[in-house]
Amino acid sequence: MLISDLGLPDGSGIDLMERLNSKRPLLGIALTGYGMEDDIRKSHAAGFRHHLVKPIDLNRLDSFIQEGAAALSPK
């Protein structure tokens, strides 16, 4: 699971997600100040399943983390 901002000091969360997701599929949650439709489309295209705009709702973040943990748990 990757939880990342999209605006990083040494690159972008989009680039990071694309790099990591190309090696091994993973659940991604974007936390960002970028909330335009194009920003959301780009984050989903890069592999982020969820896109939360700051200030984030911690209850939503928690539910997305729990969802991801359940999906990763052995059945």
N, C-alpha and C. Protein backbone atom coordinates (compact mmCIF):
# COMPACT_ATOMS: atom_id res chain seq x y z
N MET A 1 0.85 -1.17 0.00
CA MET A 1 0.00 0.00 0.00
C MET A 1 0.90 1.23 0.00
N LEU A 2 0.54 2.20 -0.84
CA LEU A 2 1.27 3.46 -0.89
C LEU A 2 0.30 4.59 -0.58
N ILE A 3 0.65 5.41 0.40
CA ILE A 3 -0.08 6.63 0.70
C ILE A 3 0.90 7.75 0.44
N SER A 4 0.58 8.62 -0.54
CA SER A 4 1.54 9.63 -0.95
C SER A 4 0.86 10.92 -1.36
N ASP A 5 1.55 12.02 -1.10
CA ASP A 5 1.15 13.30 -1.65
C ASP A 5 1.51 13.27 -3.13
N LEU A 6 0.85 14.08 -3.93
CA LEU A 6 1.21 14.14 -5.35
C LEU A 6 2.34 15.13 -5.60
N GLY A 7 2.42 16.17 -4.78
CA GLY A 7 3.47 17.17 -4.93
C GLY A 7 4.61 16.86 -3.97
N LEU A 8 5.68 16.25 -4.47
CA LEU A 8 6.82 15.88 -3.65
C LEU A 8 8.01 16.79 -3.98
N PRO A 9 8.90 17.02 -3.03
CA PRO A 9 10.02 17.94 -3.27
C PRO A 9 10.99 17.46 -4.35
N ASP A 10 11.08 16.15 -4.56
CA ASP A 10 12.05 15.63 -5.53
C ASP A 10 11.39 14.90 -6.70
N GLY A 11 10.14 15.19 -6.97
CA GLY A 11 9.42 14.54 -8.06
C GLY A 11 7.93 14.65 -7.83
N SER A 12 7.20 13.67 -8.32
CA SER A 12 5.76 13.69 -8.09
C SER A 12 5.29 12.33 -7.60
N GLY A 13 4.19 12.35 -6.88
CA GLY A 13 3.58 11.11 -6.43
C GLY A 13 3.09 10.28 -7.60
N ILE A 14 2.72 10.96 -8.69
CA ILE A 14 2.29 10.25 -9.90
C ILE A 14 3.45 9.40 -10.42
N ASP A 15 4.64 10.02 -10.54
CA ASP A 15 5.82 9.29 -11.02
C ASP A 15 6.17 8.14 -10.08
N LEU A 16 6.11 8.40 -8.79
CA LEU A 16 6.42 7.37 -7.79
C LEU A 16 5.48 6.19 -7.92
N MET A 17 4.19 6.46 -8.03
CA MET A 17 3.19 5.39 -8.14
C MET A 17 3.39 4.60 -9.42
N GLU A 18 3.65 5.28 -10.53
CA GLU A 18 3.87 4.57 -11.79
C GLU A 18 5.08 3.66 -11.71
N ARG A 19 6.16 4.16 -11.09
CA ARG A 19 7.38 3.35 -10.95
C ARG A 19 7.13 2.12 -10.08
N LEU A 20 6.52 2.32 -8.92
CA LEU A 20 6.29 1.20 -8.01
C LEU A 20 5.25 0.23 -8.56
N ASN A 21 4.19 0.76 -9.15
CA ASN A 21 3.11 -0.08 -9.66
C ASN A 21 3.56 -0.90 -10.86
N SER A 22 4.58 -0.44 -11.59
CA SER A 22 5.08 -1.21 -12.73
C SER A 22 5.84 -2.45 -12.28
N LYS A 23 6.37 -2.40 -11.06
CA LYS A 23 7.12 -3.54 -10.53
C LYS A 23 6.21 -4.55 -9.84
N ARG A 24 5.19 -4.01 -9.18
CA ARG A 24 4.29 -4.87 -8.40
C ARG A 24 3.01 -4.08 -8.13
N PRO A 25 1.86 -4.61 -8.53
CA PRO A 25 0.61 -3.89 -8.28
C PRO A 25 0.41 -3.63 -6.79
N LEU A 26 -0.03 -2.42 -6.46
CA LEU A 26 -0.29 -2.09 -5.07
C LEU A 26 -1.45 -1.11 -4.98
N LEU A 27 -2.04 -1.06 -3.81
CA LEU A 27 -3.12 -0.13 -3.54
C LEU A 27 -2.50 1.23 -3.26
N GLY A 28 -2.98 2.26 -3.94
CA GLY A 28 -2.46 3.60 -3.73
C GLY A 28 -3.54 4.56 -3.28
N ILE A 29 -3.19 5.42 -2.34
CA ILE A 29 -4.07 6.48 -1.87
C ILE A 29 -3.32 7.79 -2.02
N ALA A 30 -3.86 8.68 -2.84
CA ALA A 30 -3.24 9.99 -3.05
C ALA A 30 -3.82 10.99 -2.05
N LEU A 31 -2.94 11.71 -1.37
CA LEU A 31 -3.33 12.80 -0.47
C LEU A 31 -2.76 14.06 -1.08
N THR A 32 -3.61 15.02 -1.42
CA THR A 32 -3.10 16.14 -2.21
C THR A 32 -3.95 17.39 -2.08
N GLY A 33 -3.35 18.49 -2.46
CA GLY A 33 -4.07 19.74 -2.56
C GLY A 33 -4.65 19.93 -3.95
N TYR A 34 -4.32 19.02 -4.87
CA TYR A 34 -4.78 19.09 -6.25
C TYR A 34 -6.10 18.32 -6.38
N GLY A 35 -7.18 19.03 -6.66
CA GLY A 35 -8.48 18.38 -6.69
C GLY A 35 -9.30 18.60 -7.93
N MET A 36 -8.68 19.11 -8.99
CA MET A 36 -9.41 19.30 -10.24
C MET A 36 -9.66 17.92 -10.88
N GLU A 37 -10.67 17.85 -11.75
CA GLU A 37 -11.00 16.58 -12.40
C GLU A 37 -9.80 15.96 -13.10
N ASP A 38 -8.98 16.80 -13.75
CA ASP A 38 -7.80 16.29 -14.45
C ASP A 38 -6.78 15.70 -13.47
N ASP A 39 -6.65 16.31 -12.29
CA ASP A 39 -5.73 15.79 -11.27
C ASP A 39 -6.19 14.41 -10.81
N ILE A 40 -7.48 14.27 -10.59
CA ILE A 40 -8.04 12.99 -10.13
C ILE A 40 -7.88 11.94 -11.23
N ARG A 41 -8.14 12.32 -12.47
CA ARG A 41 -7.98 11.39 -13.59
C ARG A 41 -6.54 10.91 -13.70
N LYS A 42 -5.58 11.84 -13.56
CA LYS A 42 -4.16 11.47 -13.65
C LYS A 42 -3.75 10.54 -12.52
N SER A 43 -4.24 10.80 -11.31
CA SER A 43 -3.85 9.94 -10.19
C SER A 43 -4.43 8.54 -10.38
N HIS A 44 -5.67 8.44 -10.84
CA HIS A 44 -6.24 7.12 -11.09
C HIS A 44 -5.53 6.41 -12.23
N ALA A 45 -5.16 7.15 -13.28
CA ALA A 45 -4.44 6.55 -14.41
C ALA A 45 -3.08 6.02 -13.98
N ALA A 46 -2.46 6.67 -13.00
CA ALA A 46 -1.15 6.23 -12.50
C ALA A 46 -1.26 5.01 -11.60
N GLY A 47 -2.47 4.70 -11.12
CA GLY A 47 -2.67 3.53 -10.29
C GLY A 47 -3.21 3.80 -8.90
N PHE A 48 -3.38 5.07 -8.55
CA PHE A 48 -3.98 5.36 -7.25
C PHE A 48 -5.45 4.96 -7.28
N ARG A 49 -5.89 4.20 -6.30
CA ARG A 49 -7.29 3.80 -6.24
C ARG A 49 -8.16 4.91 -5.65
N HIS A 50 -7.58 5.67 -4.72
CA HIS A 50 -8.32 6.73 -4.05
C HIS A 50 -7.55 8.04 -4.16
N HIS A 51 -8.28 9.15 -4.17
CA HIS A 51 -7.70 10.49 -4.31
C HIS A 51 -8.39 11.38 -3.27
N LEU A 52 -7.68 11.74 -2.21
CA LEU A 52 -8.23 12.59 -1.15
C LEU A 52 -7.61 13.97 -1.23
N VAL A 53 -8.47 14.99 -1.22
CA VAL A 53 -8.01 16.38 -1.30
C VAL A 53 -7.91 16.95 0.12
N LYS A 54 -6.79 17.62 0.37
CA LYS A 54 -6.55 18.24 1.68
C LYS A 54 -7.47 19.43 1.90
N PRO A 55 -7.91 19.69 3.10
CA PRO A 55 -7.69 18.87 4.28
C PRO A 55 -8.51 17.58 4.17
N ILE A 56 -7.87 16.48 4.49
CA ILE A 56 -8.51 15.18 4.29
C ILE A 56 -9.41 14.83 5.47
N ASP A 57 -10.36 13.97 5.18
CA ASP A 57 -11.26 13.41 6.20
C ASP A 57 -10.56 12.14 6.72
N LEU A 58 -10.11 12.19 7.96
CA LEU A 58 -9.36 11.06 8.52
C LEU A 58 -10.19 9.78 8.58
N ASN A 59 -11.49 9.92 8.74
CA ASN A 59 -12.35 8.72 8.76
C ASN A 59 -12.36 8.04 7.39
N ARG A 60 -12.39 8.84 6.32
CA ARG A 60 -12.33 8.26 4.97
C ARG A 60 -10.99 7.59 4.73
N LEU A 61 -9.90 8.26 5.14
CA LEU A 61 -8.57 7.68 4.98
C LEU A 61 -8.49 6.35 5.73
N ASP A 62 -8.98 6.33 6.95
CA ASP A 62 -8.97 5.11 7.75
C ASP A 62 -9.76 4.00 7.06
N SER A 63 -10.92 4.33 6.51
CA SER A 63 -11.72 3.29 5.85
C SER A 63 -11.02 2.77 4.60
N PHE A 64 -10.32 3.64 3.86
CA PHE A 64 -9.57 3.19 2.68
C PHE A 64 -8.41 2.29 3.10
N ILE A 65 -7.73 2.63 4.20
CA ILE A 65 -6.63 1.80 4.70
C ILE A 65 -7.17 0.44 5.14
N GLN A 66 -8.28 0.43 5.86
CA GLN A 66 -8.87 -0.83 6.31
C GLN A 66 -9.31 -1.68 5.12
N GLU A 67 -9.87 -1.03 4.11
CA GLU A 67 -10.28 -1.73 2.88
C GLU A 67 -9.06 -2.38 2.23
N GLY A 68 -7.97 -1.63 2.15
CA GLY A 68 -6.75 -2.16 1.55
C GLY A 68 -6.15 -3.29 2.36
N ALA A 69 -6.17 -3.16 3.67
CA ALA A 69 -5.64 -4.21 4.54
C ALA A 69 -6.47 -5.49 4.39
N ALA A 70 -7.77 -5.33 4.29
CA ALA A 70 -8.64 -6.51 4.12
C ALA A 70 -8.36 -7.19 2.78
N ALA A 71 -8.13 -6.40 1.74
CA ALA A 71 -7.86 -6.96 0.42
C ALA A 71 -6.51 -7.68 0.39
N LEU A 72 -5.56 -7.23 1.20
CA LEU A 72 -4.23 -7.83 1.22
C LEU A 72 -4.11 -9.02 2.17
N SER A 73 -5.09 -9.18 3.07
CA SER A 73 -5.05 -10.27 4.04
C SER A 73 -5.29 -11.60 3.37
N PRO A 74 -4.55 -12.63 3.82
CA PRO A 74 -4.79 -13.98 3.27
C PRO A 74 -6.20 -14.43 3.62
N LYS A 75 -6.84 -15.07 2.70
CA LYS A 75 -8.22 -15.51 2.89
C LYS A 75 -8.26 -16.88 3.51
